[in-house]
Each structure stands twice: as structure tokens, then as C-alpha cells.
Amino acid sequence: MKAAMVTSFGPPETLRLKEVTKPVCEKNHILVAVKAIGLNFADVMARLGVYPSVPDPPFIPGLEVSGVVIEVGSEAKSFKRGDRVIAFTRQGAYAEFVSVNENHAYPIPKKMSFEEGASIGVTYLTAYHGLVTLANIRKDEKLLLHAAAGGVGTATIQIARHLGVEVFGAASSAQKLDVAYQQGMQHGFNYQTEDFERGVRQKTQGKGVDVVMDSVGGMVFRKSWRLLAPMGRYVLYGFAAVTGKRGINKLKAMKEMIVTPLVYPPNIVSKNIGLFGFNLYFLFDKVEYFKKASRQLMKWYNEKVIKPVIGARFTFDRIAEAQGFLQSRKSFGKIVVVM
């Protein structure tokens, strides 16, 4: 079978198509013929060699696919051949076939396309975990959302809109803000032309926001941390500020780390605020939790509460180009690679 492999840590060109052995379907696994692959910024970080627990090259990256079950292990009970599924891996998704534990796969509705299936997993579970589980956001609360036009950003806006939350979003261009407005964002700020901290203070009469969702870090963290109102919750789930267009920009990374404020525990207590950090990659064994969260997401999909925003589609032979496009920060919504 064909697989896209990270041949060495570095720029997108290090991701190359290779012929590899088709995976064996273990007794509690299902073998999936991949129809679409969902790209995530974690894939870029893996290729750069800075994502935690990434194997040494060569390895097959990728976290999520959609496809059809073609083989069922002797002890697997949840699926049968022909079932349409989304499946999650801890690396290994950039391939024509993947073998996954049945606990890490979920059925998808008949009316959901494979492209949507590859777009609804990691992004919407990230949005759900940060916004609903950790922040426990409530109706009429105020949310400040960074990278508002990205895959997680658009997913977060859709969920927040359904929950009756007022959304303040920041993005790097007017076009991206338009995408976020289309999903239901009420207030938008352009990183390139506006000071979002000043804008949020003005629009909230100096009160700030109840929840921040941040995948950027650095100076964005510094400014947003100051915007938390009493009982505010800060959810940090990435540090994209350290990456450049082709790799880790070491000078930029150093500057962003320097401006990241130290979080002093007594100040958290006196200000009545909280800080959460998470990485779904290290929650892989929370099987029952993610099954419950996925059922809720599928329910919302069927009720037309949520709908993945697919910003770009690439064929499998252009997967390195797709990753480069994601890393360039020019994309919006979810990038999908179609087999």
C-alpha cells in the first residue's frame, strides 16, 4: 500500500509517498480502507519533530481518517465489514489502510460524507473538550477565541452559538474573520490591524471575558490572560506562535516564550481565575469519555447544530503540499486529503 512518511524532521518536502506493508488486523482491531484523511496542526508539529512522543523518522504521521471497514479482528464486536467509520490513530493515518483498536473508531451517519467524517473528529472533540468539559461554558457567557477561522475555531463557534454564548474571535485576515462571522461569531478582530485586547475591553466595558480558547500562546496568551473576568477560565491547547512558514522559527519561538507570562498561583487564587491545558493525544485511553462526546457530536450533526467547514481538499499525492498550506496559516476550516 502507499503511505506518506516523514523521512526526516523538517519542511513539508520531507513528507514522501512510499510503498509499505499493509497493516495486519489484530484480534481486537478493525482494518479500514481509508477514504479521507483529516489534517491537524499536530501533524505539522510531528513532522517538525517537536510534538511529544513522536517516533524517530521514518514514520507515518496522522491522527484521523474516515473510511470503510474491510476486515474485523477475531475479538472485535462493534463493527462489521462495510461499516462506514471515523478512526483515530496515534500516528499512522497517512496511508491507504489503517488498523485501529475498535474502541478508537466510531460509526458515522449515512448522510455524512467521508470528507466530513475526516473533519469532525479531532477538531470537534477538541472544541467540545475545551469549551464544554473543561470551561463548562454557560449561556450568555463571553468567549474569546483565537484562530477563529481554523478547524477547531469554526467548530468552537458552532458549539458556542448553540449554547447561547457571545463569541469574540481573532484571526489573521479579513477573509478569515468573514468565515468566522458566517459560523455565528459576533465580534471579530484582525491580528494584523487591531489590538484585540483593547477591542475586547471596549466591547465588554472593561469587564473582560469568561472563557478564552487559545491555540497560539506567546503574546496572545499574555494579552488574553489579562482579559479574564473573575471566575474566568483559560483553556490553552497549542503553541502555534513558535512555528514559521517552513519550520520552527527559533528566534520567534524565543521571543514568544519570553513574553509568555509566568503564572503565579497566589494570583490565580486572588483573581478567582483558572488555567487549563490539554492535548487530546495524551487522553487516548479515555475511551468511555470520548464515546460519550462523539455520540453528542453526532447528535448535534444530525440536528444540524454543527457542520464541518472544509476549507481545502487535496489528493493523496499532494499531501505534502496540503501540510505546507496548513502551516502557511493561509487556510481556513479543515483541510482534507481525499484518497
Protein backbone atom coordinates (compact mmCIF):
# COMPACT_ATOMS: atom_id res chain seq x y z
CA MET A 1 0.00 0.00 0.00
CA LYS A 2 1.01 3.65 -0.32
CA ALA A 3 1.73 5.73 2.76
CA ALA A 4 3.09 9.24 3.29
CA MET A 5 6.13 9.05 5.54
CA VAL A 6 8.15 11.63 7.42
CA THR A 7 11.61 10.73 6.12
CA SER A 8 13.39 13.27 8.35
CA PHE A 9 12.30 16.09 10.60
CA GLY A 10 11.96 19.29 8.62
CA PRO A 11 9.93 21.16 5.97
CA PRO A 12 6.98 19.73 4.02
CA GLU A 13 9.22 18.11 1.38
CA THR A 14 10.38 15.56 3.97
CA LEU A 15 6.88 14.02 3.72
CA ARG A 16 7.09 11.50 0.88
CA LEU A 17 4.93 8.73 -0.55
CA LYS A 18 6.37 5.24 -0.06
CA GLU A 19 5.30 1.65 -0.66
CA VAL A 20 4.91 -0.08 2.70
CA THR A 21 3.43 -3.31 4.00
CA LYS A 22 -0.31 -3.32 4.55
CA PRO A 23 -1.09 -3.46 8.29
CA VAL A 24 -2.27 -6.68 9.91
CA CYS A 25 -5.69 -6.60 11.55
CA GLU A 26 -5.11 -7.66 15.16
CA LYS A 27 -7.73 -9.60 17.11
CA ASN A 28 -9.38 -6.56 18.72
CA HIS A 29 -8.84 -4.26 15.74
CA ILE A 30 -10.62 -3.32 12.55
CA LEU A 31 -8.89 -2.73 9.23
CA VAL A 32 -10.13 0.41 7.47
CA ALA A 33 -9.80 1.28 3.79
CA VAL A 34 -9.15 5.00 4.04
CA LYS A 35 -11.37 7.35 2.04
CA ALA A 36 -10.29 10.69 3.55
CA ILE A 37 -7.66 11.97 5.97
CA GLY A 38 -8.16 14.92 8.29
CA LEU A 39 -5.10 17.16 8.67
CA ASN A 40 -4.31 18.76 12.02
CA PHE A 41 -1.66 21.21 13.13
CA ALA A 42 -0.35 18.44 15.38
CA ASP A 43 0.67 16.64 12.14
CA VAL A 44 2.85 19.63 11.24
CA MET A 45 4.42 19.63 14.70
CA ALA A 46 5.09 15.89 14.37
CA ARG A 47 6.84 16.44 11.03
CA LEU A 48 8.97 19.15 12.64
CA GLY A 49 9.95 16.79 15.44
CA VAL A 50 8.59 18.89 18.29
CA TYR A 51 5.38 17.03 19.04
CA PRO A 52 5.61 14.95 22.25
CA SER A 53 6.22 11.20 21.89
CA VAL A 54 6.70 11.30 18.11
CA PRO A 55 8.81 8.36 16.85
CA ASP A 56 12.09 8.88 15.07
CA PRO A 57 11.86 9.02 11.25
CA PRO A 58 10.86 7.31 9.13
CA PHE A 59 7.29 7.09 10.39
CA ILE A 60 3.75 7.54 9.10
CA PRO A 61 2.11 10.59 10.73
CA GLY A 62 -1.55 11.48 11.08
CA LEU A 63 -4.29 11.18 13.69
CA GLU A 64 -7.64 10.66 11.96
CA VAL A 65 -9.28 9.10 8.93
CA SER A 66 -12.68 8.15 7.60
CA GLY A 67 -13.29 5.03 5.59
CA VAL A 68 -14.86 1.61 5.25
CA VAL A 69 -14.23 -1.45 7.43
CA ILE A 70 -12.82 -4.25 5.25
CA GLU A 71 -11.69 -6.68 7.95
CA VAL A 72 -12.69 -7.36 11.55
CA GLY A 73 -10.42 -8.94 14.16
CA SER A 74 -11.47 -12.20 15.81
CA GLU A 75 -12.36 -10.48 19.11
CA ALA A 76 -13.74 -7.20 17.75
CA LYS A 77 -17.51 -6.94 18.30
CA SER A 78 -18.50 -3.36 17.48
CA PHE A 79 -18.23 -3.34 13.68
CA LYS A 80 -18.73 -5.48 10.60
CA ARG A 81 -17.36 -5.35 7.09
CA GLY A 82 -18.80 -2.49 5.08
CA ASP A 83 -19.40 -0.19 8.05
CA ARG A 84 -18.56 3.49 7.49
CA VAL A 85 -16.39 4.83 10.32
CA ILE A 86 -14.11 7.54 11.57
CA ALA A 87 -10.98 6.18 13.20
CA PHE A 88 -8.22 7.65 15.36
CA THR A 89 -4.55 6.71 15.48
CA ARG A 90 -1.52 7.79 17.46
CA GLN A 91 0.35 8.45 14.19
CA GLY A 92 -0.17 6.24 11.14
CA ALA A 93 -3.20 7.84 9.46
CA TYR A 94 -1.48 8.98 6.25
CA ALA A 95 -1.99 5.65 4.49
CA GLU A 96 -4.34 3.74 2.22
CA PHE A 97 -5.21 1.33 5.04
CA VAL A 98 -5.12 1.67 8.83
CA SER A 99 -5.64 -0.88 11.57
CA VAL A 100 -7.15 0.56 14.75
CA ASN A 101 -8.50 -0.76 18.01
CA GLU A 102 -12.28 -0.94 17.74
CA ASN A 103 -12.52 1.37 20.77
CA HIS A 104 -10.91 4.13 18.71
CA ALA A 105 -13.43 4.04 15.88
CA TYR A 106 -16.96 5.41 15.66
CA PRO A 107 -19.78 4.91 13.16
CA ILE A 108 -20.75 7.88 11.02
CA PRO A 109 -24.26 8.73 9.81
CA LYS A 110 -25.22 7.63 6.30
CA LYS A 111 -25.79 11.23 5.23
CA MET A 112 -22.31 12.28 6.38
CA SER A 113 -19.71 12.31 3.61
CA PHE A 114 -16.28 10.78 4.12
CA GLU A 115 -14.78 14.26 3.85
CA GLU A 116 -17.00 15.46 6.68
CA GLY A 117 -16.16 12.31 8.62
CA ALA A 118 -12.46 13.14 8.39
CA SER A 119 -13.24 16.69 9.57
CA ILE A 120 -15.43 16.09 12.59
CA GLY A 121 -13.19 14.02 14.84
CA VAL A 122 -10.17 15.81 16.28
CA THR A 123 -11.43 19.36 15.67
CA TYR A 124 -14.86 18.95 17.22
CA LEU A 125 -13.60 16.76 20.08
CA THR A 126 -11.01 19.47 20.81
CA ALA A 127 -13.69 22.16 20.78
CA TYR A 128 -16.03 20.04 22.92
CA HIS A 129 -13.37 19.08 25.46
CA GLY A 130 -12.10 22.63 25.89
CA LEU A 131 -15.38 24.52 25.75
CA VAL A 132 -17.88 22.11 27.32
CA THR A 133 -15.90 19.78 29.59
CA LEU A 134 -13.08 21.97 30.88
CA ALA A 135 -14.51 25.50 30.66
CA ASN A 136 -18.08 24.33 31.40
CA ILE A 137 -19.27 27.35 29.45
CA ARG A 138 -22.82 28.60 30.01
CA LYS A 139 -25.47 30.61 28.18
CA ASP A 140 -24.78 34.36 27.97
CA GLU A 141 -21.11 33.97 28.95
CA LYS A 142 -18.43 35.64 26.82
CA LEU A 143 -15.82 33.65 24.92
CA LEU A 144 -12.59 34.94 23.40
CA LEU A 145 -11.49 32.55 20.66
CA HIS A 146 -8.14 32.65 18.88
CA ALA A 147 -7.53 31.27 15.37
CA ALA A 148 -11.26 31.65 14.98
CA ALA A 149 -11.37 30.58 11.32
CA GLY A 150 -9.43 27.35 11.73
CA GLY A 151 -10.86 23.86 12.04
CA VAL A 152 -11.14 23.99 15.83
CA GLY A 153 -12.13 27.65 15.67
CA THR A 154 -15.13 27.13 13.39
CA ALA A 155 -16.16 24.05 15.40
CA THR A 156 -15.96 26.04 18.63
CA ILE A 157 -18.09 28.88 17.23
CA GLN A 158 -20.80 26.47 16.11
CA ILE A 159 -20.98 24.82 19.54
CA ALA A 160 -20.82 28.17 21.34
CA ARG A 161 -23.62 29.56 19.16
CA HIS A 162 -25.81 26.57 20.05
CA LEU A 163 -25.12 27.10 23.76
CA GLY A 164 -26.03 30.80 23.63
CA VAL A 165 -22.51 32.13 24.15
CA GLU A 166 -21.29 35.55 22.96
CA VAL A 167 -18.19 34.97 20.81
CA PHE A 168 -15.27 37.37 20.42
CA GLY A 169 -12.88 35.98 17.79
CA ALA A 170 -9.45 36.88 16.46
CA ALA A 171 -7.93 35.86 13.12
CA SER A 172 -5.11 36.95 10.83
CA SER A 173 -7.12 38.41 7.92
CA ALA A 174 -10.42 39.99 6.99
CA GLN A 175 -11.26 36.94 4.86
CA LYS A 176 -10.81 34.62 7.84
CA LEU A 177 -12.97 36.86 10.00
CA ASP A 178 -15.69 36.60 7.35
CA VAL A 179 -15.55 32.81 7.68
CA ALA A 180 -15.89 33.09 11.46
CA TYR A 181 -18.80 35.55 11.17
CA GLN A 182 -20.58 33.08 8.89
CA GLN A 183 -20.42 30.47 11.67
CA GLY A 184 -22.01 32.81 14.21
CA MET A 185 -19.20 34.88 15.76
CA GLN A 186 -20.48 38.28 16.94
CA HIS A 187 -17.26 40.31 17.36
CA GLY A 188 -14.09 39.94 15.28
CA PHE A 189 -10.56 41.33 15.50
CA ASN A 190 -7.81 41.20 12.89
CA TYR A 191 -4.40 40.43 14.42
CA GLN A 192 -2.70 42.37 11.62
CA THR A 193 -4.56 45.65 12.03
CA GLU A 194 -6.15 45.67 15.50
CA ASP A 195 -5.22 45.25 19.15
CA PHE A 196 -7.69 42.58 20.19
CA GLU A 197 -7.06 43.24 23.88
CA ARG A 198 -8.14 46.86 23.57
CA GLY A 199 -11.10 45.90 21.37
CA VAL A 200 -12.39 43.28 23.82
CA ARG A 201 -12.09 45.72 26.73
CA GLN A 202 -14.08 48.32 24.82
CA LYS A 203 -16.84 45.93 23.81
CA THR A 204 -17.15 44.47 27.33
CA GLN A 205 -16.99 47.84 29.11
CA GLY A 206 -13.75 46.74 30.73
CA LYS A 207 -15.22 43.57 32.26
CA GLY A 208 -13.35 41.10 30.06
CA VAL A 209 -14.44 37.58 29.11
CA ASP A 210 -15.46 34.42 30.93
CA VAL A 211 -13.56 31.91 28.78
CA VAL A 212 -10.53 32.02 26.48
CA MET A 213 -9.77 29.27 23.96
CA ASP A 214 -6.16 29.65 22.79
CA SER A 215 -4.04 27.51 20.46
CA VAL A 216 -1.48 30.24 19.76
CA GLY A 217 0.27 31.12 23.03
CA GLY A 218 3.07 33.68 23.44
CA MET A 219 1.97 37.31 23.27
CA VAL A 220 -1.59 36.16 22.56
CA PHE A 221 -1.53 34.36 25.91
CA ARG A 222 -0.17 37.42 27.72
CA LYS A 223 -2.89 39.73 26.41
CA SER A 224 -5.72 37.23 26.77
CA TRP A 225 -4.74 36.25 30.33
CA ARG A 226 -5.27 39.88 31.32
CA LEU A 227 -8.77 39.78 29.83
CA LEU A 228 -10.15 37.08 32.12
CA ALA A 229 -13.02 38.27 34.29
CA PRO A 230 -13.47 36.93 37.85
CA MET A 231 -14.37 33.22 37.64
CA GLY A 232 -12.82 33.20 34.17
CA ARG A 233 -11.35 30.01 32.66
CA TYR A 234 -8.39 29.96 30.29
CA VAL A 235 -8.07 26.92 28.00
CA LEU A 236 -4.67 26.53 26.30
CA TYR A 237 -4.34 23.70 23.81
CA GLY A 238 -1.48 24.66 21.50
CA PHE A 239 1.52 26.92 20.96
CA ALA A 240 1.38 27.69 17.24
CA ALA A 241 3.19 31.01 17.78
CA VAL A 242 6.58 29.26 17.65
CA THR A 243 6.23 27.95 14.08
CA GLY A 244 7.20 29.70 10.88
CA LYS A 245 6.13 29.03 7.29
CA ARG A 246 8.51 26.07 6.86
CA GLY A 247 9.71 25.09 10.31
CA ILE A 248 10.29 26.18 13.88
CA ASN A 249 11.42 29.81 13.82
CA LYS A 250 13.88 29.67 16.71
CA LEU A 251 14.18 33.43 17.11
CA LYS A 252 10.41 33.86 17.02
CA ALA A 253 9.99 30.94 19.41
CA MET A 254 12.42 32.52 21.86
CA LYS A 255 10.61 35.87 21.71
CA GLU A 256 7.20 34.24 22.20
CA MET A 257 8.46 32.23 25.17
CA ILE A 258 9.96 35.35 26.75
CA VAL A 259 6.70 37.30 26.52
CA THR A 260 4.66 34.40 27.92
CA PRO A 261 3.90 35.47 31.50
CA LEU A 262 4.71 33.33 34.49
CA VAL A 263 1.53 32.07 36.08
CA TYR A 264 1.84 32.77 39.81
CA PRO A 265 -0.52 30.51 41.83
CA PRO A 266 -1.42 33.09 44.55
CA ASN A 267 -2.58 35.49 41.80
CA ILE A 268 -4.86 32.80 40.37
CA VAL A 269 -6.43 32.46 43.81
CA SER A 270 -6.84 36.17 44.47
CA LYS A 271 -8.20 36.88 40.97
CA ASN A 272 -10.57 33.90 41.00
CA ILE A 273 -9.43 32.62 37.62
CA GLY A 274 -8.29 29.25 36.32
CA LEU A 275 -5.94 27.81 33.71
CA PHE A 276 -6.50 24.53 31.85
CA GLY A 277 -4.13 22.91 29.39
CA PHE A 278 -4.77 19.80 27.35
CA ASN A 279 -3.60 17.64 24.49
CA LEU A 280 -6.06 15.01 23.23
CA TYR A 281 -3.11 12.88 22.10
CA PHE A 282 -2.44 12.00 25.74
CA LEU A 283 -6.09 11.29 26.53
CA PHE A 284 -6.20 8.43 24.04
CA ASP A 285 -7.21 5.87 26.67
CA LYS A 286 -10.25 7.82 27.90
CA VAL A 287 -12.41 5.54 25.78
CA GLU A 288 -15.77 5.93 27.51
CA TYR A 289 -15.45 9.70 27.73
CA PHE A 290 -14.74 10.06 24.01
CA LYS A 291 -17.51 7.65 23.08
CA LYS A 292 -19.96 9.80 25.02
CA ALA A 293 -18.57 13.02 23.50
CA SER A 294 -18.72 11.54 19.99
CA ARG A 295 -22.35 10.49 20.47
CA GLN A 296 -23.18 14.07 21.43
CA LEU A 297 -21.36 15.43 18.40
CA MET A 298 -23.15 13.03 16.05
CA LYS A 299 -26.46 14.03 17.63
CA TRP A 300 -25.65 17.69 17.01
CA TYR A 301 -24.64 16.88 13.43
CA ASN A 302 -27.96 15.11 12.79
CA GLU A 303 -29.79 18.09 14.32
CA LYS A 304 -27.79 20.45 12.04
CA VAL A 305 -26.26 22.21 15.05
CA ILE A 306 -22.77 21.56 13.68
CA LYS A 307 -21.39 21.08 10.18
CA PRO A 308 -17.67 20.80 9.39
CA VAL A 309 -16.21 23.69 7.43
CA ILE A 310 -13.90 22.20 4.79
CA GLY A 311 -11.58 24.91 3.57
CA ALA A 312 -9.47 22.90 1.12
CA ARG A 313 -9.24 19.44 -0.44
CA PHE A 314 -6.09 17.77 -1.72
CA THR A 315 -5.47 14.42 -3.37
CA PHE A 316 -3.20 11.93 -1.60
CA ASP A 317 -0.28 12.56 -3.95
CA ARG A 318 -0.35 16.23 -2.85
CA ILE A 319 -0.35 15.57 0.88
CA ALA A 320 2.99 17.33 1.44
CA GLU A 321 1.56 20.40 -0.31
CA ALA A 322 -1.52 20.14 1.91
CA GLN A 323 0.62 20.18 5.05
CA GLY A 324 2.58 23.14 3.73
CA PHE A 325 -0.66 25.00 3.09
CA LEU A 326 -1.83 24.30 6.64
CA GLN A 327 1.46 25.51 8.06
CA SER A 328 1.36 28.70 5.97
CA ARG A 329 -1.64 29.94 8.03
CA LYS A 330 -3.43 30.83 4.79
CA SER A 331 -6.05 28.14 5.22
CA PHE A 332 -9.36 28.25 7.00
CA GLY A 333 -11.60 25.49 8.31
CA LYS A 334 -10.42 21.91 7.93
CA ILE A 335 -8.00 20.64 5.30
CA VAL A 336 -8.92 17.19 3.98
CA VAL A 337 -6.88 14.78 1.89
CA VAL A 338 -9.05 12.61 -0.34
CA MET A 339 -7.96 9.13 -1.42
